[in-house]
Amino acid sequence: MTTALNVRLGAGLLDHARVRPDHVALTVGRRNVTYEECASTALRWASRLIEAAGGRPRRVAVLGHRSMVSYLSVAATLYAGAAFVPLNPGFPVQRTRAMLERADVEALIVEAAALPVLVDVLRDLPRPPVVLLPDLRRAEASGLGGVRVLDAVDLATAGPLEPMPDVTPDDVAYLLFTSGSTGTPKGVPVTHGNVRAFLDVNQDRYRLTPEDRLTQTFDQTFDLSVFDMFMAWEHGARLCSMESIELLSPYSYLERNGITTWFSVPSVAALLRRRGSLTPGSMPTLRWSLFCGEPLPRTTAELWQAAAPNSTVENPGLDQVPLRSGL
């Protein structure tokens, strides 16, 4: 029988914080954060979320872009028993405001870099949520009017959440909005049971270990980001968030961080091919090269395979025989 503990998305982060606390869970830029630091921070923020909501919250939005705050906020939201709703501060304000209103969130966690758009996002909301600012002091957040704010001091001084609210397989883990290219963006709920089944199937295939290091090339509002984040944390591996500029020439980043698992849209590989930078043997640390979201042309796949000779190259829907090596 599946228990509330092992069905919970993000449970692996807590498990590995207990057995390998000093192992790095997250790399953003040049900063590394251990499993123990990630787990303890997320549990403190979860405690404040429940306090701010007056009980277990239903949905919590995260306004951030591949930052320490945006990743740890996801874990904190899940530990509070809520569904996380990722929002990109680079999106048009009206779109973000509409998604925030449609999601009906009780709280909004905001990274410092997103503060300039926060006032506009909250403007005219009939029921503004509680705002959490993990890396800002209250005095730095002007223009929020009567919105309740919990700042960095409030979050840092919170005690860890214990016990966590139970979750079931049918509870919603996150809510992602469609692009809205054919109309108004629609929120798509995904349950803990949905994601757990997805992760289990992928682990049967990829067999990740604590020695693996995974790229995060996707925006957190894109569903493929869930693979990187939770496949890493569920299996004690390291999640390495790449800046967009690093995708133009990823080789030093891959070598510096010992990346073993690459995952991106094929257009990234196609761009490197057009730039003539997919040189043989330039990505020797990779053991998996995963692409999804678009077709991967055979020529690009062959050049990538030569550049990452120790990896298996995969693209769902690729018509040709899969290119495989290093097995």
Protein backbone atom coordinates (compact mmCIF):
# COMPACT_ATOMS: atom_id res chain seq x y z
CA MET A 1 0.00 0.00 0.00
CA THR A 2 1.33 3.44 -0.95
CA THR A 3 1.84 5.65 2.12
CA ALA A 4 1.48 9.41 2.40
CA LEU A 5 5.23 9.66 2.99
CA ASN A 6 6.47 7.91 -0.14
CA VAL A 7 3.80 9.29 -2.48
CA ARG A 8 4.66 12.89 -1.64
CA LEU A 9 6.48 14.66 -4.43
CA GLY A 10 9.72 15.96 -2.92
CA ALA A 11 10.01 13.24 -0.25
CA GLY A 12 13.36 12.20 -1.70
CA LEU A 13 14.91 15.54 -0.78
CA LEU A 14 14.10 14.87 2.88
CA ASP A 15 15.26 11.25 2.71
CA HIS A 16 18.65 12.17 1.29
CA ALA A 17 19.03 15.07 3.73
CA ARG A 18 19.01 12.43 6.46
CA VAL A 19 21.41 9.93 4.89
CA ARG A 20 23.79 12.26 2.99
CA PRO A 21 23.26 15.75 4.44
CA ASP A 22 26.48 17.22 2.99
CA HIS A 23 25.81 16.01 -0.56
CA VAL A 24 25.01 18.88 -2.95
CA ALA A 25 21.35 18.96 -4.01
CA LEU A 26 21.27 22.18 -6.00
CA THR A 27 23.70 24.31 -7.98
CA VAL A 28 22.65 27.77 -9.16
CA GLY A 29 25.43 29.82 -10.71
CA ARG A 30 28.53 29.19 -8.59
CA ARG A 31 26.58 28.46 -5.42
CA ASN A 32 26.10 24.91 -4.17
CA VAL A 33 23.44 24.02 -1.60
CA THR A 34 23.48 20.74 0.30
CA TYR A 35 20.57 18.39 0.86
CA GLU A 36 20.49 19.31 4.55
CA GLU A 37 20.39 23.04 3.80
CA CYS A 38 17.69 22.63 1.15
CA ALA A 39 15.52 20.46 3.37
CA SER A 40 15.84 22.56 6.52
CA THR A 41 15.18 25.79 4.63
CA ALA A 42 12.15 24.35 2.84
CA LEU A 43 10.69 23.04 6.12
CA ARG A 44 11.05 26.46 7.77
CA TRP A 45 9.31 28.16 4.85
CA ALA A 46 6.60 25.49 4.90
CA SER A 47 5.96 26.26 8.55
CA ARG A 48 5.42 29.95 7.72
CA LEU A 49 3.16 29.06 4.79
CA ILE A 50 0.83 27.12 7.05
CA GLU A 51 0.93 29.87 9.65
CA ALA A 52 0.19 32.57 7.05
CA ALA A 53 -2.68 30.60 5.53
CA GLY A 54 -4.19 29.78 8.92
CA GLY A 55 -3.89 26.08 8.15
CA ARG A 56 -2.84 23.85 5.28
CA PRO A 57 -2.85 26.02 2.13
CA ARG A 58 -4.39 24.73 -1.07
CA ARG A 59 -2.19 26.47 -3.66
CA VAL A 60 0.97 28.56 -3.46
CA ALA A 61 2.40 30.51 -6.40
CA VAL A 62 6.14 30.89 -6.96
CA LEU A 63 7.28 33.98 -8.85
CA GLY A 64 10.86 33.30 -9.88
CA HIS A 65 13.18 32.07 -12.59
CA ARG A 66 15.57 29.18 -11.90
CA SER A 67 16.86 30.68 -8.66
CA MET A 68 17.54 29.36 -5.17
CA VAL A 69 14.25 30.86 -4.04
CA SER A 70 12.23 29.42 -6.91
CA TYR A 71 13.51 25.87 -6.33
CA LEU A 72 13.30 25.85 -2.54
CA SER A 73 9.84 27.41 -2.71
CA VAL A 74 8.63 24.40 -4.68
CA ALA A 75 9.86 22.06 -1.94
CA ALA A 76 8.40 24.27 0.82
CA THR A 77 5.01 24.34 -0.88
CA LEU A 78 4.90 20.57 -1.22
CA TYR A 79 5.87 20.08 2.43
CA ALA A 80 3.07 22.44 3.46
CA GLY A 81 0.68 20.09 1.67
CA ALA A 82 -0.14 22.60 -1.07
CA ALA A 83 0.17 22.57 -4.86
CA PHE A 84 2.83 24.85 -6.33
CA VAL A 85 2.01 27.20 -9.21
CA PRO A 86 5.18 28.36 -11.04
CA LEU A 87 5.08 31.86 -12.54
CA ASN A 88 7.81 33.48 -14.62
CA PRO A 89 8.54 37.15 -13.77
CA GLY A 90 9.60 37.67 -17.39
CA PHE A 91 6.11 36.97 -18.71
CA PRO A 92 3.74 39.88 -19.48
CA VAL A 93 2.28 41.28 -16.25
CA GLN A 94 -1.32 40.92 -17.39
CA ARG A 95 -0.79 37.25 -18.20
CA THR A 96 0.84 36.60 -14.82
CA ARG A 97 -1.89 38.46 -12.97
CA ALA A 98 -4.58 36.48 -14.80
CA MET A 99 -2.90 33.17 -13.93
CA LEU A 100 -2.47 34.24 -10.33
CA GLU A 101 -6.14 35.11 -10.06
CA ARG A 102 -7.32 31.93 -11.80
CA ALA A 103 -5.11 29.78 -9.58
CA ASP A 104 -6.77 31.24 -6.46
CA VAL A 105 -3.61 30.99 -4.34
CA GLU A 106 -3.35 31.71 -0.64
CA ALA A 107 0.32 32.72 -0.77
CA LEU A 108 2.90 33.98 -3.26
CA ILE A 109 6.63 33.38 -2.79
CA VAL A 110 8.75 35.93 -4.66
CA GLU A 111 12.47 36.05 -5.44
CA ALA A 112 14.29 39.37 -5.10
CA ALA A 113 14.82 39.73 -8.85
CA ALA A 114 11.05 39.60 -9.40
CA LEU A 115 10.27 42.43 -7.00
CA PRO A 116 10.09 45.12 -9.74
CA VAL A 117 7.06 43.39 -11.32
CA LEU A 118 5.37 42.36 -8.09
CA VAL A 119 3.44 45.59 -7.51
CA ASP A 120 1.95 45.49 -11.01
CA VAL A 121 1.13 41.79 -10.72
CA LEU A 122 -0.80 42.35 -7.48
CA ARG A 123 -2.56 45.50 -8.63
CA ASP A 124 -6.38 45.18 -8.73
CA LEU A 125 -6.40 41.59 -7.51
CA PRO A 126 -9.68 41.21 -5.59
CA ARG A 127 -8.01 39.01 -2.94
CA PRO A 128 -4.23 39.52 -2.88
CA PRO A 129 -2.34 36.59 -1.36
CA VAL A 130 0.13 36.73 1.50
CA VAL A 131 3.56 37.54 0.02
CA LEU A 132 6.72 35.77 1.19
CA LEU A 133 10.08 37.39 0.40
CA PRO A 134 12.81 34.88 1.37
CA ASP A 135 15.77 37.04 0.31
CA LEU A 136 14.47 40.55 1.07
CA ARG A 137 13.72 42.66 4.13
CA ARG A 138 10.24 44.14 4.46
CA ALA A 139 11.64 47.67 4.10
CA GLU A 140 12.96 46.80 0.64
CA ALA A 141 9.48 45.96 -0.65
CA SER A 142 7.70 49.27 -1.08
CA GLY A 143 4.42 49.86 -2.86
CA LEU A 144 2.62 46.74 -1.64
CA GLY A 145 0.06 48.71 0.33
CA GLY A 146 -1.96 46.58 2.72
CA VAL A 147 -0.66 43.24 1.43
CA ARG A 148 0.58 41.02 4.25
CA VAL A 149 4.31 40.37 3.88
CA LEU A 150 6.63 37.84 5.49
CA ASP A 151 10.25 38.76 4.85
CA ALA A 152 13.66 37.06 5.08
CA VAL A 153 13.83 37.52 8.84
CA ASP A 154 10.40 35.97 9.36
CA LEU A 155 11.34 32.95 7.28
CA ALA A 156 14.82 32.50 8.72
CA THR A 157 13.53 32.50 12.30
CA ALA A 158 10.72 29.99 11.70
CA GLY A 159 10.91 26.56 13.23
CA PRO A 160 10.83 23.54 10.90
CA LEU A 161 7.42 22.17 10.04
CA GLU A 162 6.61 19.05 12.01
CA PRO A 163 4.65 17.00 11.26
CA MET A 164 3.92 17.63 7.59
CA PRO A 165 0.30 17.41 6.42
CA ASP A 166 -0.54 14.05 4.87
CA VAL A 167 -1.04 13.86 1.12
CA THR A 168 -2.77 11.23 -0.98
CA PRO A 169 -2.05 10.13 -4.56
CA ASP A 170 -5.07 12.15 -5.68
CA ASP A 171 -3.93 15.43 -4.10
CA VAL A 172 -2.68 18.03 -6.59
CA ALA A 173 1.10 18.52 -6.50
CA TYR A 174 1.31 21.39 -8.99
CA LEU A 175 -0.68 23.48 -11.40
CA LEU A 176 0.84 24.41 -14.75
CA PHE A 177 -0.73 26.85 -17.18
CA THR A 178 -0.88 26.24 -20.92
CA SER A 179 0.76 28.77 -23.23
CA GLY A 180 -2.55 30.40 -24.13
CA SER A 181 -1.62 30.36 -27.81
CA THR A 182 -5.18 29.33 -28.70
CA GLY A 183 -6.92 31.47 -26.09
CA THR A 184 -6.80 32.07 -22.35
CA PRO A 185 -4.11 30.08 -20.49
CA LYS A 186 -5.67 27.10 -18.74
CA GLY A 187 -4.43 25.61 -15.48
CA VAL A 188 -3.65 21.90 -15.66
CA PRO A 189 -3.53 20.14 -12.26
CA VAL A 190 -1.10 17.24 -11.82
CA THR A 191 -1.43 14.93 -8.83
CA HIS A 192 1.22 13.40 -6.58
CA GLY A 193 0.22 9.98 -7.90
CA ASN A 194 0.62 11.14 -11.51
CA VAL A 195 4.15 12.37 -10.91
CA ARG A 196 5.17 9.42 -8.77
CA ALA A 197 4.24 7.01 -11.57
CA PHE A 198 6.16 9.17 -14.06
CA LEU A 199 9.28 9.24 -11.87
CA ASP A 200 9.18 5.51 -11.20
CA VAL A 201 8.97 4.65 -14.91
CA ASN A 202 11.86 6.99 -15.71
CA GLN A 203 14.03 5.59 -12.92
CA ASP A 204 13.52 2.10 -14.33
CA ARG A 205 14.99 3.44 -17.55
CA TYR A 206 17.73 5.85 -16.42
CA ARG A 207 18.89 4.38 -13.09
CA LEU A 208 20.10 7.64 -11.61
CA THR A 209 22.34 7.55 -8.53
CA PRO A 210 23.68 10.15 -6.06
CA GLU A 211 26.70 10.51 -8.34
CA ASP A 212 24.61 11.89 -11.19
CA ARG A 213 24.33 15.59 -12.02
CA LEU A 214 21.42 16.81 -14.11
CA THR A 215 21.03 20.00 -16.10
CA GLN A 216 18.01 22.25 -15.73
CA THR A 217 17.60 24.04 -19.06
CA PHE A 218 13.82 24.42 -18.94
CA ASP A 219 11.81 27.23 -17.43
CA GLN A 220 9.98 26.08 -14.31
CA THR A 221 6.65 26.93 -15.94
CA PHE A 222 7.40 24.21 -18.53
CA ASP A 223 6.37 20.69 -17.57
CA LEU A 224 9.69 19.11 -18.63
CA SER A 225 11.40 20.93 -15.74
CA VAL A 226 9.73 18.46 -13.36
CA PHE A 227 11.87 15.62 -14.73
CA ASP A 228 15.18 17.32 -13.87
CA MET A 229 14.15 18.61 -10.48
CA PHE A 230 12.56 15.53 -9.02
CA MET A 231 14.57 12.83 -10.75
CA ALA A 232 17.60 14.50 -9.14
CA TRP A 233 16.15 14.95 -5.67
CA GLU A 234 14.38 11.61 -5.47
CA HIS A 235 17.65 9.79 -6.14
CA GLY A 236 20.17 11.92 -4.27
CA ALA A 237 21.65 13.49 -7.39
CA ARG A 238 22.50 17.15 -8.05
CA LEU A 239 20.29 19.57 -9.97
CA CYS A 240 22.35 22.14 -11.90
CA SER A 241 20.42 25.14 -13.17
CA MET A 242 21.91 26.65 -16.32
CA GLU A 243 21.58 30.26 -17.40
CA SER A 244 20.32 30.83 -20.93
CA ILE A 245 23.66 32.32 -21.99
CA GLU A 246 25.43 29.12 -20.92
CA LEU A 247 23.39 27.10 -23.40
CA LEU A 248 25.19 28.89 -26.25
CA SER A 249 28.45 27.25 -25.22
CA PRO A 250 27.81 24.68 -22.51
CA TYR A 251 31.11 22.82 -22.55
CA SER A 252 32.94 24.53 -19.70
CA TYR A 253 29.77 24.37 -17.59
CA LEU A 254 29.38 20.63 -18.18
CA GLU A 255 33.01 19.97 -17.34
CA ARG A 256 33.08 22.23 -14.26
CA ASN A 257 29.98 20.61 -12.80
CA GLY A 258 30.63 17.05 -13.97
CA ILE A 259 27.24 16.87 -15.69
CA THR A 260 26.10 13.31 -16.46
CA THR A 261 22.54 13.92 -17.71
CA TRP A 262 21.66 16.55 -20.28
CA PHE A 263 18.01 17.37 -21.03
CA SER A 264 16.81 20.12 -23.38
CA VAL A 265 14.73 20.83 -26.43
CA PRO A 266 16.46 19.72 -29.68
CA SER A 267 16.67 23.33 -30.88
CA VAL A 268 19.53 23.87 -28.41
CA ALA A 269 21.53 21.10 -30.09
CA ALA A 270 20.57 22.44 -33.53
CA LEU A 271 21.88 25.89 -32.56
CA LEU A 272 25.21 24.42 -31.44
CA ARG A 273 25.40 22.50 -34.74
CA ARG A 274 24.81 25.68 -36.76
CA ARG A 275 27.52 27.43 -34.74
CA GLY A 276 29.90 24.59 -35.61
CA SER A 277 30.69 23.96 -31.95
CA LEU A 278 29.65 20.31 -31.63
CA THR A 279 33.21 19.06 -31.83
CA PRO A 280 34.00 15.37 -31.23
CA GLY A 281 34.67 14.50 -27.60
CA SER A 282 33.72 17.94 -26.25
CA MET A 283 31.18 16.54 -23.72
CA PRO A 284 32.86 13.45 -22.27
CA THR A 285 31.10 13.50 -18.85
CA LEU A 286 27.62 12.85 -20.26
CA ARG A 287 26.09 9.39 -19.96
CA TRP A 288 22.57 10.46 -20.99
CA SER A 289 21.69 13.03 -23.66
CA LEU A 290 17.94 13.55 -23.58
CA PHE A 291 15.86 15.71 -25.92
CA CYS A 292 12.14 16.31 -25.97
CA GLY A 293 9.50 18.72 -27.27
CA GLU A 294 10.58 18.77 -30.92
CA PRO A 295 12.01 16.39 -33.55
CA LEU A 296 15.77 15.83 -33.33
CA PRO A 297 17.21 15.76 -36.88
CA ARG A 298 19.48 12.82 -37.56
CA THR A 299 22.46 14.97 -38.54
CA THR A 300 22.22 16.91 -35.29
CA ALA A 301 21.87 13.67 -33.32
CA GLU A 302 24.97 12.19 -34.96
CA LEU A 303 27.07 15.29 -34.28
CA TRP A 304 25.87 15.40 -30.66
CA GLN A 305 26.69 11.70 -30.27
CA ALA A 306 30.22 12.34 -31.49
CA ALA A 307 30.56 15.26 -29.07
CA ALA A 308 29.22 13.12 -26.18
CA PRO A 309 30.68 9.70 -27.06
CA ASN A 310 30.01 8.14 -23.65
CA SER A 311 26.30 8.98 -23.65
CA THR A 312 23.09 7.50 -24.96
CA VAL A 313 21.17 9.98 -27.14
CA GLU A 314 17.39 9.77 -26.85
CA ASN A 315 14.54 11.70 -28.45
CA PRO A 316 10.98 10.36 -28.10
CA GLY A 317 9.50 9.94 -31.54
CA LEU A 318 12.86 9.74 -33.33
CA ASP A 319 12.12 7.60 -36.38
CA GLN A 320 15.63 6.32 -36.93
CA VAL A 321 17.31 3.56 -34.96
CA PRO A 322 18.43 5.13 -31.65
CA LEU A 323 22.06 6.14 -31.50
CA ARG A 324 23.61 4.36 -28.54
CA SER A 325 27.07 4.04 -27.10
CA GLY A 326 28.75 3.62 -23.77
CA LEU A 327 26.32 0.89 -22.69
